[in-house]
Amino acid sequence: MVTENTAVVVVGGGPAGLTVAALLRRCGVDCVVLEVRSREHIEKRQRAGIVEYQAAEMLAGWGLADRLFAGAPRSGRLEIRVDGTVHVLGDDAVGGVLVPQQVLVRNLIDTVLDEGVDLRFDAAEVSLHDLDADRPTVRYRDAAGEEHTLTCRYVAGCDGFHGVSRASVPDGALTTSSFDHGGIGWLTVLADTSPYPHPMLSVSDAGYAAQFARGPAASRFYLQCGSEDTPADWPASRIWSELRDRLGDPGLPTGAITETEVFALRSVVHDPMSWGRLFLVGDAAHIILPLGGKGMNLALHDADVFARAVRAAVHDDDESGLRDYTGVCLRRVWRYMEFCNWLLEATHDSGDSSRVGPFRRGLARARLASLTESPTVARHFTDLMAGIG
């Protein structure tokens, strides 16, 4: 058994955990990052998400923009198609950084390793202990089979919805607010085909579809489907036929489909986002609808709040920021939840009225009309997409 000490143990080596580690390094706070999977797996794993304007500005304030966004374009424009009519919203001056999540992760890994962060892959059998004590411990087994015990001041649970961190909180200590969005599912499709100039959402009687760039020659598409559907229900011929129909683009170029997945749309918020000296960051604390691209960005903002609070606790013996962690984070979480739910209803209820009925379809169509016809509504929408306000 190897026994070690550090200020913070970060459980999880995705965007949340790596960002926590990068920020703690800039705060002069030691940490150890434990990731159950290999580096190769983490770097190749495809995930959705681009960095919104506000999160990009936050990371720039920490001096990370040059490393994380090197060569990545910025865009604040979004194309919305309603029954084939194209509307372009936004301003190039207020947009996100079009860096795919896996590229961000690779850049974060390179950055933290170059800066001397103790990042450990292939950490198996991770378990959390004495979280309500002054010095909690985290145990794991390394790739060689050797057992380690890390004693620390704080634990950052950055290992997602199904990770060990939230599962280590006693039953009843957290209140869970969740919502199932009417059995709606999404088919996500990663394909080797050049993207449109801007991210694009499309609404029609045929159903919802969307497209986002994943590099100069790769696109991620989304198709509304039943929550019980499986990838087997969606062969390539059906995918391209539905995309052409829903996007209103008969000439949509095809390409090799490299990945498909179906998932049900859901929203989950855990309150508080901490227990004892464990602090939940990102998907471990909340799951948000993917429409507004807010999941990864909420993780980045959580990491910022946590790192600043730990800096004050370690260097100034001031734990007020840690006590306020949940309240500060959840204000943004609930604002983003409301925005994404509004966007879901506006886009998904606008299609075939057999699912929601003519009244809700009429409401959704009115929302889309306000968005595409009112400059004031459009500006508010693009500000929310950018994380401003």
Protein backbone atom coordinates (compact mmCIF):
# COMPACT_ATOMS: atom_id res chain seq x y z
CA MET A 1 0.00 0.00 0.00
CA VAL A 2 1.39 3.38 -1.09
CA THR A 3 0.27 6.26 1.16
CA GLU A 4 0.40 9.82 -0.17
CA ASN A 5 -0.81 13.32 0.70
CA THR A 6 -2.10 16.14 -1.48
CA ALA A 7 -4.41 19.12 -1.16
CA VAL A 8 -7.08 17.97 -3.65
CA VAL A 9 -7.89 14.64 -5.23
CA VAL A 10 -9.68 15.09 -8.55
CA VAL A 11 -11.71 12.03 -9.50
CA GLY A 12 -12.21 11.99 -13.27
CA GLY A 13 -10.04 13.08 -16.19
CA GLY A 14 -12.62 14.54 -18.56
CA PRO A 15 -13.18 18.25 -19.26
CA ALA A 16 -14.34 18.96 -15.70
CA GLY A 17 -11.49 17.21 -13.90
CA LEU A 18 -8.77 18.41 -16.25
CA THR A 19 -9.99 21.99 -16.01
CA VAL A 20 -10.07 21.78 -12.22
CA ALA A 21 -6.47 20.53 -12.29
CA ALA A 22 -5.31 23.25 -14.69
CA LEU A 23 -6.90 25.99 -12.58
CA LEU A 24 -5.61 24.59 -9.29
CA ARG A 25 -2.09 24.57 -10.77
CA ARG A 26 -2.49 28.29 -11.45
CA CYS A 27 -3.65 28.77 -7.86
CA GLY A 28 -0.55 27.07 -6.49
CA VAL A 29 -2.63 24.20 -5.07
CA ASP A 30 -1.35 20.63 -5.40
CA CYS A 31 -3.68 17.95 -6.72
CA VAL A 32 -3.74 14.41 -8.03
CA VAL A 33 -6.07 13.51 -10.91
CA LEU A 34 -7.36 9.93 -11.11
CA GLU A 35 -8.87 8.66 -14.37
CA VAL A 36 -10.12 5.10 -14.63
CA ARG A 37 -9.57 4.85 -18.38
CA SER A 38 -6.40 5.00 -20.44
CA ARG A 39 -5.02 8.17 -21.95
CA GLU A 40 -5.60 6.78 -25.43
CA HIS A 41 -9.27 6.14 -24.68
CA ILE A 42 -9.83 9.60 -23.21
CA GLU A 43 -8.15 11.38 -26.09
CA LYS A 44 -10.07 9.50 -28.78
CA ARG A 45 -13.47 9.44 -27.08
CA GLN A 46 -15.97 11.46 -29.11
CA ARG A 47 -18.19 13.84 -27.16
CA ALA A 48 -20.39 16.73 -28.20
CA GLY A 49 -19.84 20.33 -27.19
CA ILE A 50 -18.11 23.55 -28.09
CA VAL A 51 -16.82 26.20 -25.72
CA GLU A 52 -19.27 29.10 -25.38
CA TYR A 53 -18.08 32.71 -25.41
CA GLN A 54 -18.38 33.23 -21.64
CA ALA A 55 -16.51 30.02 -20.80
CA ALA A 56 -13.84 30.92 -23.34
CA GLU A 57 -13.41 34.31 -21.70
CA MET A 58 -13.19 32.66 -18.29
CA LEU A 59 -10.42 30.32 -19.48
CA ALA A 60 -8.64 33.21 -21.17
CA GLY A 61 -8.67 35.02 -17.82
CA TRP A 62 -6.74 32.08 -16.35
CA GLY A 63 -4.17 32.30 -19.16
CA LEU A 64 -5.28 29.09 -20.86
CA ALA A 65 -6.70 30.32 -24.16
CA ASP A 66 -3.49 30.10 -26.19
CA ARG A 67 -2.93 26.46 -25.25
CA LEU A 68 -6.53 25.27 -25.40
CA PHE A 69 -7.85 27.15 -28.43
CA ALA A 70 -4.83 27.32 -30.70
CA GLY A 71 -6.06 27.61 -34.27
CA ALA A 72 -9.71 27.11 -33.35
CA PRO A 73 -12.18 29.42 -35.12
CA ARG A 74 -14.77 31.52 -33.31
CA SER A 75 -18.35 31.94 -34.43
CA GLY A 76 -21.43 33.45 -32.85
CA ARG A 77 -23.75 32.62 -35.72
CA LEU A 78 -26.42 29.95 -35.70
CA GLU A 79 -28.59 28.91 -38.61
CA ILE A 80 -32.22 28.00 -37.89
CA ARG A 81 -34.33 26.42 -40.60
CA VAL A 82 -38.11 26.47 -40.21
CA ASP A 83 -39.92 24.48 -42.89
CA GLY A 84 -36.95 25.04 -45.19
CA THR A 85 -36.70 28.81 -44.65
CA VAL A 86 -33.21 29.78 -43.48
CA HIS A 87 -32.68 32.29 -40.65
CA VAL A 88 -29.16 33.22 -39.52
CA LEU A 89 -28.92 34.55 -35.97
CA GLY A 90 -26.03 35.98 -34.03
CA ASP A 91 -22.98 38.17 -34.32
CA ASP A 92 -19.46 36.97 -35.06
CA ALA A 93 -18.22 39.24 -32.28
CA VAL A 94 -20.09 37.28 -29.62
CA GLY A 95 -19.71 33.56 -30.16
CA GLY A 96 -18.11 30.38 -29.02
CA VAL A 97 -14.85 28.67 -29.85
CA LEU A 98 -15.45 25.88 -32.32
CA VAL A 99 -13.12 23.37 -30.71
CA PRO A 100 -14.60 19.85 -30.41
CA GLN A 101 -14.63 18.42 -26.91
CA GLN A 102 -12.09 15.71 -27.66
CA VAL A 103 -9.68 18.35 -28.99
CA LEU A 104 -10.19 20.41 -25.83
CA VAL A 105 -9.48 17.31 -23.74
CA ARG A 106 -6.27 16.55 -25.63
CA ASN A 107 -5.11 20.13 -25.21
CA LEU A 108 -5.96 20.06 -21.50
CA ILE A 109 -4.02 16.81 -21.02
CA ASP A 110 -0.96 18.25 -22.76
CA THR A 111 -1.22 21.45 -20.72
CA VAL A 112 -1.53 19.89 -17.27
CA LEU A 113 1.21 17.35 -17.94
CA ASP A 114 3.55 20.03 -19.27
CA GLU A 115 2.88 22.06 -16.13
CA GLY A 116 3.63 19.19 -13.78
CA VAL A 117 0.15 18.14 -12.66
CA ASP A 118 0.04 14.60 -11.26
CA LEU A 119 -2.36 12.97 -13.74
CA ARG A 120 -2.80 9.21 -13.35
CA PHE A 121 -4.62 7.12 -15.95
CA ASP A 122 -5.82 3.50 -15.52
CA ALA A 123 -6.76 4.12 -11.90
CA ALA A 124 -9.02 1.18 -11.04
CA GLU A 125 -11.27 0.48 -8.06
CA VAL A 126 -11.44 4.12 -6.97
CA SER A 127 -13.22 4.52 -3.62
CA LEU A 128 -13.87 7.56 -1.41
CA HIS A 129 -13.71 7.44 2.38
CA ASP A 130 -14.23 9.73 5.40
CA LEU A 131 -15.66 12.50 3.25
CA ASP A 132 -17.18 14.16 6.33
CA ALA A 133 -13.84 14.18 8.19
CA ASP A 134 -11.11 16.84 8.14
CA ARG A 135 -8.86 14.62 5.99
CA PRO A 136 -10.78 12.39 3.59
CA THR A 137 -9.02 9.58 1.74
CA VAL A 138 -9.26 8.20 -1.78
CA ARG A 139 -8.08 4.70 -2.59
CA TYR A 140 -7.35 3.10 -5.95
CA ARG A 141 -5.33 0.40 -7.67
CA ASP A 142 -2.85 1.39 -10.38
CA ALA A 143 -2.17 -0.43 -13.67
CA ALA A 144 0.55 -2.53 -12.02
CA GLY A 145 -1.89 -3.71 -9.36
CA GLU A 146 -0.42 -1.65 -6.51
CA GLU A 147 -2.85 -0.09 -4.04
CA HIS A 148 -2.69 3.62 -3.19
CA THR A 149 -4.25 5.70 -0.43
CA LEU A 150 -4.39 9.47 -0.98
CA THR A 151 -5.12 11.70 1.98
CA CYS A 152 -6.31 15.18 1.10
CA ARG A 153 -8.21 18.27 2.19
CA TYR A 154 -10.85 18.18 -0.55
CA VAL A 155 -12.18 15.83 -3.20
CA ALA A 156 -13.45 17.08 -6.55
CA GLY A 157 -15.96 14.60 -7.99
CA CYS A 158 -15.61 15.08 -11.75
CA ASP A 159 -16.45 11.55 -12.89
CA GLY A 160 -19.88 12.08 -14.41
CA PHE A 161 -23.41 10.95 -13.71
CA HIS A 162 -22.52 7.28 -13.21
CA GLY A 163 -19.23 7.83 -11.38
CA VAL A 164 -18.20 6.79 -7.91
CA SER A 165 -18.21 10.33 -6.49
CA ARG A 166 -21.93 11.00 -6.29
CA ALA A 167 -22.55 7.34 -5.43
CA SER A 168 -20.37 7.90 -2.33
CA VAL A 169 -22.81 10.45 -0.89
CA PRO A 170 -25.16 8.91 1.72
CA ASP A 171 -28.74 8.31 0.67
CA GLY A 172 -30.95 11.28 1.43
CA ALA A 173 -28.10 13.79 1.63
CA LEU A 174 -28.88 15.22 -1.82
CA THR A 175 -32.19 16.32 -3.27
CA THR A 176 -32.60 15.17 -6.86
CA SER A 177 -34.80 17.14 -9.25
CA SER A 178 -35.31 15.33 -12.54
CA PHE A 179 -37.54 15.49 -15.57
CA ASP A 180 -38.19 13.08 -18.43
CA HIS A 181 -38.94 15.05 -21.56
CA GLY A 182 -41.90 13.15 -22.92
CA GLY A 183 -40.09 10.11 -24.20
CA ILE A 184 -38.06 12.13 -26.70
CA GLY A 185 -34.85 10.53 -27.89
CA TRP A 186 -31.98 11.75 -30.01
CA LEU A 187 -30.01 9.79 -32.55
CA THR A 188 -26.51 11.24 -32.73
CA VAL A 189 -24.53 10.59 -35.88
CA LEU A 190 -20.84 11.29 -36.44
CA ALA A 191 -20.01 11.30 -40.15
CA ASP A 192 -17.09 12.10 -42.42
CA THR A 193 -18.77 14.91 -44.34
CA SER A 194 -18.01 18.61 -44.54
CA PRO A 195 -20.22 20.72 -42.25
CA TYR A 196 -22.38 23.72 -43.04
CA PRO A 197 -20.75 27.15 -42.49
CA HIS A 198 -22.60 27.61 -39.16
CA PRO A 199 -24.13 25.33 -36.55
CA MET A 200 -27.65 24.59 -37.69
CA LEU A 201 -31.01 23.61 -36.16
CA SER A 202 -33.91 22.59 -38.36
CA VAL A 203 -37.62 22.30 -37.59
CA SER A 204 -40.30 20.87 -39.86
CA ASP A 205 -43.29 18.54 -39.85
CA ALA A 206 -40.80 15.71 -40.40
CA GLY A 207 -39.20 16.36 -36.99
CA TYR A 208 -36.16 18.02 -35.48
CA ALA A 209 -32.63 17.75 -36.86
CA ALA A 210 -29.37 19.58 -36.23
CA GLN A 211 -25.78 19.68 -37.46
CA PHE A 212 -22.55 20.87 -35.84
CA ALA A 213 -19.00 20.86 -37.14
CA ARG A 214 -16.52 18.39 -35.71
CA GLY A 215 -13.60 19.61 -37.79
CA PRO A 216 -13.23 20.70 -41.42
CA ALA A 217 -14.32 17.32 -42.80
CA ALA A 218 -16.52 15.85 -40.06
CA SER A 219 -20.04 16.62 -38.85
CA ARG A 220 -22.20 15.56 -35.95
CA PHE A 221 -25.88 15.28 -36.78
CA TYR A 222 -28.83 14.94 -34.45
CA LEU A 223 -32.22 13.43 -35.31
CA GLN A 224 -35.25 13.43 -33.05
CA CYS A 225 -36.43 9.87 -32.53
CA GLY A 226 -38.27 7.69 -30.05
CA SER A 227 -36.59 7.18 -26.70
CA GLU A 228 -36.89 3.41 -27.20
CA ASP A 229 -35.16 3.46 -30.59
CA THR A 230 -31.78 1.78 -31.01
CA PRO A 231 -29.02 2.39 -33.57
CA ALA A 232 -30.18 -0.81 -35.29
CA ASP A 233 -33.43 0.99 -36.17
CA TRP A 234 -31.40 3.57 -38.08
CA PRO A 235 -29.36 2.13 -40.96
CA ALA A 236 -27.27 4.56 -42.99
CA SER A 237 -29.84 4.78 -45.79
CA ARG A 238 -32.56 5.87 -43.36
CA ILE A 239 -30.26 8.36 -41.62
CA TRP A 240 -29.33 10.17 -44.84
CA SER A 241 -32.90 10.10 -46.13
CA GLU A 242 -34.25 11.63 -42.90
CA LEU A 243 -31.48 14.23 -42.77
CA ARG A 244 -32.16 15.38 -46.33
CA ASP A 245 -35.87 15.61 -45.56
CA ARG A 246 -35.59 17.35 -42.18
CA LEU A 247 -32.81 19.72 -43.21
CA GLY A 248 -34.56 20.57 -46.45
CA ASP A 249 -31.38 19.77 -48.37
CA PRO A 250 -31.90 17.17 -51.14
CA GLY A 251 -28.25 17.54 -52.13
CA LEU A 252 -26.81 16.90 -48.66
CA PRO A 253 -23.49 15.11 -49.24
CA THR A 254 -23.07 11.73 -47.60
CA GLY A 255 -19.99 10.24 -46.00
CA ALA A 256 -18.87 7.35 -43.88
CA ILE A 257 -20.83 7.15 -40.62
CA THR A 258 -18.32 6.43 -37.87
CA GLU A 259 -20.54 6.52 -34.79
CA THR A 260 -24.23 6.38 -33.86
CA GLU A 261 -25.90 6.48 -30.47
CA VAL A 262 -29.44 6.91 -29.17
CA PHE A 263 -30.16 8.52 -25.83
CA ALA A 264 -33.31 9.75 -24.09
CA LEU A 265 -33.48 13.46 -23.25
CA ARG A 266 -33.51 14.15 -19.53
CA SER A 267 -32.71 16.88 -17.05
CA VAL A 268 -31.29 16.23 -13.55
CA VAL A 269 -30.10 18.60 -10.81
CA HIS A 270 -28.59 17.52 -7.49
CA ASP A 271 -28.75 19.94 -4.55
CA PRO A 272 -26.46 20.51 -2.76
CA MET A 273 -23.51 19.92 -5.07
CA SER A 274 -21.32 18.91 -2.13
CA TRP A 275 -21.26 16.70 0.92
CA GLY A 276 -18.61 17.01 3.59
CA ARG A 277 -15.38 17.70 1.73
CA LEU A 278 -16.59 16.24 -1.56
CA PHE A 279 -17.59 18.75 -4.26
CA LEU A 280 -19.42 17.56 -7.37
CA VAL A 281 -18.37 19.21 -10.63
CA GLY A 282 -20.09 18.96 -14.02
CA ASP A 283 -22.21 15.94 -14.93
CA ALA A 284 -21.74 14.43 -11.47
CA ALA A 285 -23.97 17.25 -10.21
CA HIS A 286 -26.32 17.94 -13.11
CA ILE A 287 -27.41 16.62 -16.50
CA ILE A 288 -28.75 19.17 -18.96
CA LEU A 289 -30.49 18.89 -22.31
CA PRO A 290 -27.90 18.95 -25.11
CA LEU A 291 -29.70 21.49 -27.33
CA GLY A 292 -27.81 24.59 -26.21
CA GLY A 293 -24.43 22.88 -25.89
CA LYS A 294 -24.34 23.75 -22.19
CA GLY A 295 -23.26 20.52 -20.53
CA MET A 296 -19.52 20.90 -21.01
CA ASN A 297 -19.72 24.65 -20.40
CA LEU A 298 -21.46 24.18 -17.06
CA ALA A 299 -18.61 21.83 -16.10
CA LEU A 300 -16.06 24.50 -17.01
CA HIS A 301 -17.89 27.12 -14.94
CA ASP A 302 -18.22 24.73 -11.98
CA ALA A 303 -14.47 24.14 -12.17
CA ASP A 304 -13.83 27.89 -12.08
CA VAL A 305 -16.02 28.40 -8.99
CA PHE A 306 -14.45 25.42 -7.22
CA ALA A 307 -10.84 26.40 -7.97
CA ARG A 308 -11.35 29.96 -6.73
CA ALA A 309 -12.97 28.67 -3.54
CA VAL A 310 -10.15 26.17 -2.90
CA ARG A 311 -7.54 28.88 -3.48
CA ALA A 312 -9.12 31.00 -0.75
CA ALA A 313 -9.40 28.01 1.59
CA VAL A 314 -5.81 26.82 1.13
CA HIS A 315 -4.02 30.17 1.03
CA ASP A 316 -6.27 32.36 3.20
CA ASP A 317 -7.98 29.80 5.44
CA ASP A 318 -11.28 31.13 4.11
CA GLU A 319 -13.84 28.42 3.34
CA SER A 320 -16.74 30.77 2.64
CA GLY A 321 -16.40 30.16 -1.11
CA LEU A 322 -16.69 26.42 -0.57
CA ARG A 323 -19.77 26.93 1.60
CA ASP A 324 -21.28 29.05 -1.19
CA TYR A 325 -20.22 26.66 -3.97
CA THR A 326 -23.64 25.10 -4.51
CA GLY A 327 -25.53 28.38 -4.49
CA VAL A 328 -23.16 30.07 -6.93
CA CYS A 329 -23.12 27.14 -9.36
CA LEU A 330 -26.83 26.39 -9.27
CA ARG A 331 -27.79 29.94 -10.20
CA ARG A 332 -26.13 29.36 -13.56
CA VAL A 333 -27.33 25.75 -13.78
CA TRP A 334 -31.00 26.69 -13.43
CA ARG A 335 -30.69 29.57 -15.91
CA TYR A 336 -29.21 27.19 -18.45
CA MET A 337 -31.81 24.54 -17.64
CA GLU A 338 -34.61 27.01 -18.36
CA PHE A 339 -33.01 28.12 -21.63
CA CYS A 340 -32.48 24.58 -22.90
CA ASN A 341 -35.99 23.52 -21.91
CA TRP A 342 -37.42 26.55 -23.75
CA LEU A 343 -35.37 25.66 -26.80
CA LEU A 344 -36.47 22.02 -26.65
CA GLU A 345 -40.15 22.95 -26.56
CA ALA A 346 -39.75 25.54 -29.32
CA THR A 347 -38.02 23.11 -31.68
CA HIS A 348 -39.45 19.69 -30.85
CA ASP A 349 -43.06 20.68 -30.25
CA SER A 350 -43.12 22.53 -33.59
CA GLY A 351 -43.12 19.35 -35.63
CA ASP A 352 -45.79 16.71 -36.02
CA SER A 353 -48.71 17.70 -33.76
CA SER A 354 -49.64 14.04 -33.17
CA ARG A 355 -47.15 13.95 -30.29
CA VAL A 356 -48.11 17.15 -28.45
CA GLY A 357 -51.43 18.22 -29.97
CA PRO A 358 -52.30 21.34 -31.94
CA PHE A 359 -52.27 23.74 -28.96
CA ARG A 360 -48.69 23.05 -27.88
CA ARG A 361 -47.60 22.98 -31.50
CA GLY A 362 -49.14 26.42 -31.96
CA LEU A 363 -47.29 27.74 -28.91
CA ALA A 364 -44.00 26.34 -30.18
CA ARG A 365 -44.50 27.85 -33.61
CA ALA A 366 -45.21 31.23 -32.00
CA ARG A 367 -41.94 30.98 -30.07
CA LEU A 368 -40.02 30.23 -33.23
CA ALA A 369 -41.70 33.15 -34.98
CA SER A 370 -40.62 35.50 -32.18
CA LEU A 371 -37.09 34.18 -32.39
CA THR A 372 -36.77 34.57 -36.15
CA GLU A 373 -38.74 37.83 -36.52
CA SER A 374 -37.87 39.92 -33.45
CA PRO A 375 -34.30 41.35 -33.22
CA THR A 376 -34.78 41.78 -29.46
CA VAL A 377 -35.71 38.14 -28.92
CA ALA A 378 -32.95 36.99 -31.27
CA ARG A 379 -30.35 39.05 -29.38
CA HIS A 380 -31.49 37.64 -26.04
CA PHE A 381 -31.29 34.14 -27.53
CA THR A 382 -27.76 34.60 -28.86
CA ASP A 383 -26.64 36.09 -25.54
CA LEU A 384 -27.90 32.95 -23.79
CA MET A 385 -26.14 30.76 -26.35
CA ALA A 386 -22.95 32.70 -25.62
CA GLY A 387 -23.45 32.41 -21.85
CA ILE A 388 -23.86 36.14 -21.37
CA GLY A 389 -26.25 37.57 -18.82
